[in-house]
Amino acid sequence: MFHLAKGLYNNWNRKEVYSILILGLDNAGKTTFLETLKKNYSLHSKDLDKIVPTVGQNVAQVPMSKSCTLKFWDVGGQENLRAMWPEYYPQCHGIIFVVDSTDRSRIGECNEVLQTVMMDEDVEGVPVLMLANKQDRPDAMEVQDIKQIFNQMAERLSARDSRVLPLSALTGEGVREAAEWLLIRLQRNKTNRPPQYR
């Protein structure tokens, strides 16, 4: 009887866990986004002034509700680390691709890297959210200009959920909206990529 009760209790209290990859070129603001997101959900976070380039990965679990947790994998964006990215694709439920809106000289490289990610067969059907970061800076590209780059790819992605949102990881503007947009898409995509349960 105890085992039955315990099994029912565990079943009622299990949480959906979705794994999200945070990708982008180095210095795009991926780690700053993750730390600001943690702060938004009242989790312990690093001081934004002390963030250094990620070599390897940062991992954080953010409880979105009593029944759902998002597990974020912030993976280094330096060119020599991008070869690791495909190892994460089969297990991911969603991708956040962070773009430095102030770095016009690398927007072409950013476009090529994002295309490589989105054309990988292990990413098929996964929602992709592109964040135009550093929108608080006066030299930032307009979100509309970044959308035009992204929309050329989105046309080839059939029914996959994808979007470009403005962000300032430093001020926190757009951080919560990004997580909430992605959560809705992950739950809609459950049949294609079922969550883990814990």
Protein backbone atom coordinates (compact mmCIF):
# COMPACT_ATOMS: atom_id res chain seq x y z
CA MET A 1 0.00 0.00 0.00
CA PHE A 2 2.86 2.35 0.86
CA HIS A 3 4.44 1.84 -2.59
CA LEU A 4 1.15 2.59 -4.33
CA ALA A 5 0.68 5.78 -2.31
CA LYS A 6 4.28 6.81 -2.91
CA GLY A 7 3.92 6.13 -6.66
CA LEU A 8 0.73 8.22 -6.86
CA TYR A 9 2.34 11.04 -4.88
CA ASN A 10 5.42 11.05 -7.14
CA ASN A 11 3.24 11.00 -10.25
CA TRP A 12 1.16 13.97 -9.06
CA ASN A 13 4.23 15.94 -8.04
CA ARG A 14 6.54 15.24 -10.95
CA LYS A 15 7.90 18.18 -12.89
CA GLU A 16 8.40 18.63 -16.59
CA VAL A 17 12.03 19.54 -17.32
CA TYR A 18 12.94 21.14 -20.65
CA SER A 19 16.58 21.62 -21.73
CA ILE A 20 17.39 24.89 -23.47
CA LEU A 21 20.64 25.66 -25.28
CA ILE A 22 21.91 29.25 -25.13
CA LEU A 23 24.13 29.73 -28.17
CA GLY A 24 25.72 32.64 -30.00
CA LEU A 25 29.11 34.12 -30.81
CA ASP A 26 31.50 34.98 -28.02
CA ASN A 27 30.74 38.28 -26.26
CA ALA A 28 27.09 38.26 -27.36
CA GLY A 29 25.85 38.32 -23.75
CA LYS A 30 24.77 34.71 -23.27
CA THR A 31 26.03 34.37 -19.70
CA THR A 32 24.74 37.83 -18.76
CA PHE A 33 21.30 36.76 -20.08
CA LEU A 34 21.40 33.58 -17.98
CA GLU A 35 22.49 35.37 -14.80
CA THR A 36 19.83 38.07 -15.25
CA LEU A 37 17.22 35.38 -15.88
CA LYS A 38 18.22 33.64 -12.64
CA LYS A 39 17.91 36.95 -10.77
CA ASN A 40 14.44 37.51 -12.32
CA TYR A 41 13.27 34.22 -10.83
CA SER A 42 14.84 34.94 -7.41
CA LEU A 43 17.71 32.50 -7.81
CA HIS A 44 21.30 33.11 -6.69
CA SER A 45 23.18 34.78 -9.55
CA LYS A 46 26.66 36.11 -10.27
CA ASP A 47 27.49 39.80 -10.14
CA LEU A 48 27.15 40.99 -13.77
CA ASP A 49 30.38 43.01 -13.46
CA LYS A 50 32.33 39.82 -12.74
CA ILE A 51 31.20 37.70 -15.70
CA VAL A 52 34.06 36.35 -17.82
CA PRO A 53 33.91 34.54 -21.20
CA THR A 54 32.51 31.04 -20.87
CA VAL A 55 34.96 28.25 -21.58
CA GLY A 56 32.87 25.11 -21.63
CA GLN A 57 29.42 25.62 -20.18
CA ASN A 58 27.27 27.13 -17.44
CA VAL A 59 24.16 25.26 -16.32
CA ALA A 60 21.16 26.61 -14.41
CA GLN A 61 17.72 25.27 -13.56
CA VAL A 62 14.95 27.86 -13.42
CA PRO A 63 11.59 26.79 -11.96
CA MET A 64 8.91 28.39 -14.13
CA SER A 65 6.00 26.95 -12.14
CA LYS A 66 5.26 24.20 -9.64
CA SER A 67 5.12 21.70 -12.49
CA CYS A 68 7.78 22.95 -14.92
CA THR A 69 11.51 23.70 -14.84
CA LEU A 70 13.71 25.03 -17.62
CA LYS A 71 17.29 23.75 -17.59
CA PHE A 72 19.59 26.17 -19.41
CA TRP A 73 22.92 25.19 -20.97
CA ASP A 74 25.00 28.30 -21.71
CA VAL A 75 27.72 26.98 -24.03
CA GLY A 76 30.86 28.93 -24.95
CA GLY A 77 30.69 30.76 -28.29
CA GLN A 78 34.36 31.02 -29.25
CA GLU A 79 35.04 29.49 -32.66
CA ASN A 80 37.01 26.55 -31.26
CA LEU A 81 34.16 25.70 -28.82
CA ARG A 82 31.37 25.68 -31.42
CA ALA A 83 32.34 22.15 -32.47
CA MET A 84 30.85 21.01 -29.12
CA TRP A 85 27.41 22.45 -29.84
CA PRO A 86 26.03 19.52 -31.91
CA GLU A 87 26.62 17.17 -28.97
CA TYR A 88 23.80 18.98 -27.14
CA TYR A 89 21.26 19.06 -30.00
CA PRO A 90 19.64 15.62 -29.58
CA GLN A 91 18.71 16.33 -25.94
CA CYS A 92 17.62 19.96 -26.29
CA HIS A 93 13.99 21.08 -26.37
CA GLY A 94 14.66 24.65 -27.48
CA ILE A 95 17.44 27.00 -28.58
CA ILE A 96 18.09 30.61 -27.66
CA PHE A 97 20.53 32.28 -30.04
CA VAL A 98 21.92 35.55 -28.65
CA VAL A 99 23.16 38.22 -31.07
CA ASP A 100 25.24 41.26 -30.13
CA SER A 101 23.22 44.05 -31.79
CA THR A 102 26.16 46.45 -31.55
CA ASP A 103 28.66 44.26 -33.43
CA ARG A 104 27.89 45.03 -37.07
CA SER A 105 31.24 43.61 -38.23
CA ARG A 106 30.26 40.09 -37.09
CA ILE A 107 26.60 40.01 -38.13
CA GLY A 108 27.53 38.01 -41.26
CA GLU A 109 29.42 35.46 -39.16
CA CYS A 110 26.47 35.33 -36.78
CA ASN A 111 24.14 34.60 -39.68
CA GLU A 112 26.37 31.78 -40.98
CA VAL A 113 26.71 30.19 -37.52
CA LEU A 114 22.95 30.34 -36.92
CA GLN A 115 22.27 28.77 -40.33
CA THR A 116 24.64 25.91 -39.47
CA VAL A 117 22.79 25.33 -36.19
CA MET A 118 19.33 25.44 -37.72
CA MET A 119 20.16 23.14 -40.61
CA ASP A 120 21.43 20.35 -38.34
CA GLU A 121 18.99 17.40 -38.51
CA ASP A 122 19.06 17.01 -34.70
CA VAL A 123 17.53 20.49 -34.38
CA GLU A 124 14.58 19.61 -36.63
CA GLY A 125 11.32 20.84 -35.09
CA VAL A 126 12.98 22.59 -32.13
CA PRO A 127 11.72 26.13 -31.32
CA VAL A 128 14.42 28.76 -31.88
CA LEU A 129 14.38 32.16 -30.20
CA MET A 130 16.83 34.76 -31.46
CA LEU A 131 17.57 37.54 -28.97
CA ALA A 132 18.83 40.88 -30.29
CA ASN A 133 20.89 41.77 -27.22
CA LYS A 134 22.36 45.11 -26.05
CA GLN A 135 19.30 47.08 -27.16
CA ASP A 136 20.01 49.52 -24.31
CA ARG A 137 23.04 50.85 -26.22
CA PRO A 138 22.67 53.78 -28.64
CA ASP A 139 24.85 52.04 -31.28
CA ALA A 140 22.64 48.92 -31.40
CA MET A 141 21.19 47.77 -34.71
CA GLU A 142 17.43 48.05 -34.96
CA VAL A 143 15.58 44.83 -34.16
CA GLN A 144 13.85 45.14 -37.55
CA ASP A 145 17.22 44.90 -39.34
CA ILE A 146 18.15 41.79 -37.38
CA LYS A 147 14.72 40.29 -38.09
CA GLN A 148 15.31 40.64 -41.84
CA ILE A 149 18.44 38.48 -41.54
CA PHE A 150 16.65 35.90 -39.43
CA ASN A 151 13.45 35.84 -41.50
CA GLN A 152 15.36 34.70 -44.59
CA MET A 153 16.20 31.52 -42.66
CA ALA A 154 12.80 31.20 -41.00
CA GLU A 155 11.12 30.89 -44.40
CA ARG A 156 12.98 27.59 -44.92
CA LEU A 157 12.07 26.14 -41.54
CA SER A 158 8.48 25.12 -42.33
CA ALA A 159 6.32 25.00 -39.19
CA ARG A 160 9.08 25.42 -36.61
CA ASP A 161 8.40 28.11 -34.04
CA SER A 162 10.94 30.90 -34.34
CA ARG A 163 11.03 34.54 -33.31
CA VAL A 164 13.33 37.53 -32.86
CA LEU A 165 12.91 39.53 -29.64
CA PRO A 166 14.70 42.64 -28.36
CA LEU A 167 16.79 42.21 -25.22
CA SER A 168 19.04 44.00 -22.82
CA ALA A 169 20.58 41.27 -20.70
CA LEU A 170 22.35 43.95 -18.66
CA THR A 171 19.21 45.89 -17.66
CA GLY A 172 16.91 42.85 -17.70
CA GLU A 173 14.56 44.28 -20.31
CA GLY A 174 13.02 41.43 -22.33
CA VAL A 175 14.58 38.62 -20.25
CA ARG A 176 11.39 37.34 -18.61
CA GLU A 177 9.42 37.76 -21.86
CA ALA A 178 11.98 35.61 -23.67
CA ALA A 179 11.65 32.77 -21.12
CA GLU A 180 7.85 32.93 -21.18
CA TRP A 181 7.69 32.92 -25.00
CA LEU A 182 9.95 29.89 -25.12
CA LEU A 183 8.03 28.01 -22.41
CA ILE A 184 4.78 28.27 -24.40
CA ARG A 185 6.50 26.88 -27.51
CA LEU A 186 8.17 24.03 -25.60
CA GLN A 187 4.85 22.91 -24.15
CA ARG A 188 3.22 23.09 -27.60
CA ASN A 189 6.06 20.96 -28.97
CA LYS A 190 5.70 18.18 -26.35
CA THR A 191 4.71 15.50 -28.81
CA ASN A 192 7.76 16.18 -30.99
CA ARG A 193 10.22 16.59 -28.08
CA PRO A 194 8.76 15.24 -24.83
CA PRO A 195 10.17 16.72 -21.62
CA GLN A 196 12.01 14.76 -18.99
CA TYR A 197 10.08 14.17 -15.78
CA ARG A 198 11.54 14.55 -12.30
